[in-house]
Amino acid sequence: MAGFAIVDAEETSKIAIKMHVEDMTSERLVRATRLEFLKLFGVTTENAVTAKVIGKYVEEGTTHIVLRLDNATYQWVEATPKDLPPLQWNKLMATIEGDTVTVQLERRGEKWIITAFENPNVQ
């Protein structure tokens, strides 16, 4: 897939376009485009928060990392390797209690999923 675009059927000036970059799966490309589209409507939230890693668990062979955040709206967020690019996932794995991180969140059902992650304490 070379790129992906989403156009609002009611307001065609609202367009989200993402081009494929190296090491990006089709699933990540579609998800990134969807997030750009949601930003047009103010749905995606990005917060700089202090995070405490409170647990990791495995479900059907996939590691889940759950962060407890010092934010009343987003107290518990989680991610799996499918939710983040490899470098961001590795930084999340190396995050320790008390690190200040920046997360971009997407609501999926009852959960807040981390779709972008940065920890300046982890190189």
Protein backbone atom coordinates (compact mmCIF):
# COMPACT_ATOMS: atom_id res chain seq x y z
CA MET A 1 0.00 0.00 0.00
CA ALA A 2 1.56 3.31 -1.09
CA GLY A 3 -0.78 5.50 0.89
CA PHE A 4 -4.23 5.76 2.41
CA ALA A 5 -6.82 8.54 2.56
CA ILE A 6 -10.16 9.15 4.27
CA VAL A 7 -12.62 11.82 3.08
CA ASP A 8 -15.63 13.03 5.07
CA ALA A 9 -18.72 12.32 2.93
CA GLU A 10 -20.59 15.37 4.25
CA GLU A 11 -17.72 17.86 4.15
CA THR A 12 -15.28 16.84 1.44
CA SER A 13 -12.74 19.46 2.50
CA LYS A 14 -12.00 17.27 5.55
CA ILE A 15 -9.40 14.86 4.23
CA ALA A 16 -6.77 12.79 6.02
CA ILE A 17 -3.93 11.41 3.89
CA LYS A 18 -0.93 9.35 5.00
CA MET A 19 1.80 8.02 2.76
CA HIS A 20 3.57 4.74 3.43
CA VAL A 21 6.99 5.01 5.08
CA GLU A 22 9.62 2.33 5.53
CA ASP A 23 8.82 -0.32 8.17
CA MET A 24 5.14 0.74 8.38
CA THR A 25 2.64 -2.08 8.06
CA SER A 26 -0.64 -1.57 6.22
CA GLU A 27 -2.44 -1.87 9.56
CA ARG A 28 -0.33 0.96 11.06
CA LEU A 29 -0.88 3.09 7.93
CA VAL A 30 -4.66 2.71 8.15
CA ARG A 31 -4.61 3.40 11.92
CA ALA A 32 -2.41 6.50 11.50
CA THR A 33 -4.71 7.83 8.76
CA ARG A 34 -7.75 7.17 10.92
CA LEU A 35 -6.16 9.09 13.82
CA GLU A 36 -5.42 12.04 11.51
CA PHE A 37 -9.05 11.96 10.35
CA LEU A 38 -10.31 11.91 13.96
CA LYS A 39 -8.09 14.91 14.77
CA LEU A 40 -10.11 16.90 12.23
CA PHE A 41 -13.05 16.51 14.61
CA GLY A 42 -11.12 16.95 17.86
CA VAL A 43 -11.45 13.31 18.94
CA THR A 44 -7.82 12.35 19.57
CA THR A 45 -6.25 13.51 22.82
CA GLU A 46 -2.57 14.04 23.59
CA ASN A 47 -1.45 14.65 27.14
CA ALA A 48 1.90 15.02 28.88
CA VAL A 49 1.48 13.12 32.12
CA THR A 50 3.51 11.42 34.82
CA ALA A 51 3.08 7.69 34.38
CA LYS A 52 3.62 4.79 36.71
CA VAL A 53 4.00 1.34 35.20
CA ILE A 54 1.78 -0.84 37.34
CA GLY A 55 1.79 -4.07 35.42
CA LYS A 56 2.55 -6.14 32.38
CA TYR A 57 0.62 -9.21 31.41
CA VAL A 58 0.40 -11.67 28.53
CA GLU A 59 -2.88 -12.43 26.78
CA GLU A 60 -2.88 -14.93 23.92
CA GLY A 61 0.89 -14.54 23.55
CA THR A 62 0.84 -10.72 23.40
CA THR A 63 2.43 -8.55 26.09
CA HIS A 64 0.19 -5.76 27.41
CA ILE A 65 1.62 -2.82 29.34
CA VAL A 66 -0.71 -0.87 31.57
CA LEU A 67 0.21 2.58 32.87
CA ARG A 68 -1.47 4.28 35.78
CA LEU A 69 -1.48 8.01 35.04
CA ASP A 70 -1.82 11.00 37.34
CA ASN A 71 -4.70 12.26 35.24
CA ALA A 72 -8.34 12.07 36.41
CA THR A 73 -9.68 11.46 32.90
CA TYR A 74 -7.10 8.92 31.74
CA GLN A 75 -6.16 7.00 34.90
CA TRP A 76 -5.44 3.68 33.20
CA VAL A 77 -4.09 3.29 29.66
CA GLU A 78 -2.54 0.32 27.91
CA ALA A 79 -0.70 -0.76 24.80
CA THR A 80 0.45 -3.87 22.96
CA PRO A 81 3.17 -4.21 20.31
CA LYS A 82 0.47 -3.84 17.62
CA ASP A 83 -0.50 -0.38 18.93
CA LEU A 84 2.93 1.29 18.60
CA PRO A 85 5.87 1.36 16.20
CA PRO A 86 8.79 -0.81 17.44
CA LEU A 87 10.92 2.08 18.78
CA GLN A 88 8.00 3.52 20.77
CA TRP A 89 7.10 0.05 22.09
CA ASN A 90 10.70 -0.49 23.28
CA LYS A 91 10.65 2.88 25.06
CA LEU A 92 7.37 1.94 26.73
CA MET A 93 8.90 -1.37 27.85
CA ALA A 94 11.83 0.55 29.42
CA THR A 95 9.64 3.12 31.21
CA ILE A 96 9.90 3.08 34.99
CA GLU A 97 7.70 4.45 37.76
CA GLY A 98 7.85 8.23 37.97
CA ASP A 99 8.96 8.85 34.37
CA THR A 100 7.20 11.76 32.65
CA VAL A 101 5.87 10.57 29.32
CA THR A 102 3.78 11.94 26.47
CA VAL A 103 1.01 9.69 25.21
CA GLN A 104 -1.53 9.98 22.44
CA LEU A 105 -4.68 8.07 23.30
CA GLU A 106 -7.54 6.48 21.43
CA ARG A 107 -10.67 5.14 23.10
CA ARG A 108 -11.51 1.56 22.12
CA GLY A 109 -14.57 0.30 23.91
CA GLU A 110 -13.98 0.85 27.62
CA LYS A 111 -10.19 1.17 27.30
CA TRP A 112 -7.83 4.05 26.47
CA ILE A 113 -5.16 2.68 24.12
CA ILE A 114 -1.75 4.33 23.66
CA THR A 115 -1.27 5.02 19.95
CA ALA A 116 1.86 7.17 20.24
CA PHE A 117 4.40 7.21 23.06
CA GLU A 118 7.46 9.25 23.98
CA ASN A 119 9.66 9.02 27.07
CA PRO A 120 12.57 11.52 27.08
CA ASN A 121 14.21 9.52 29.90
CA VAL A 122 14.73 6.52 27.60
CA GLN A 123 17.19 6.86 24.73
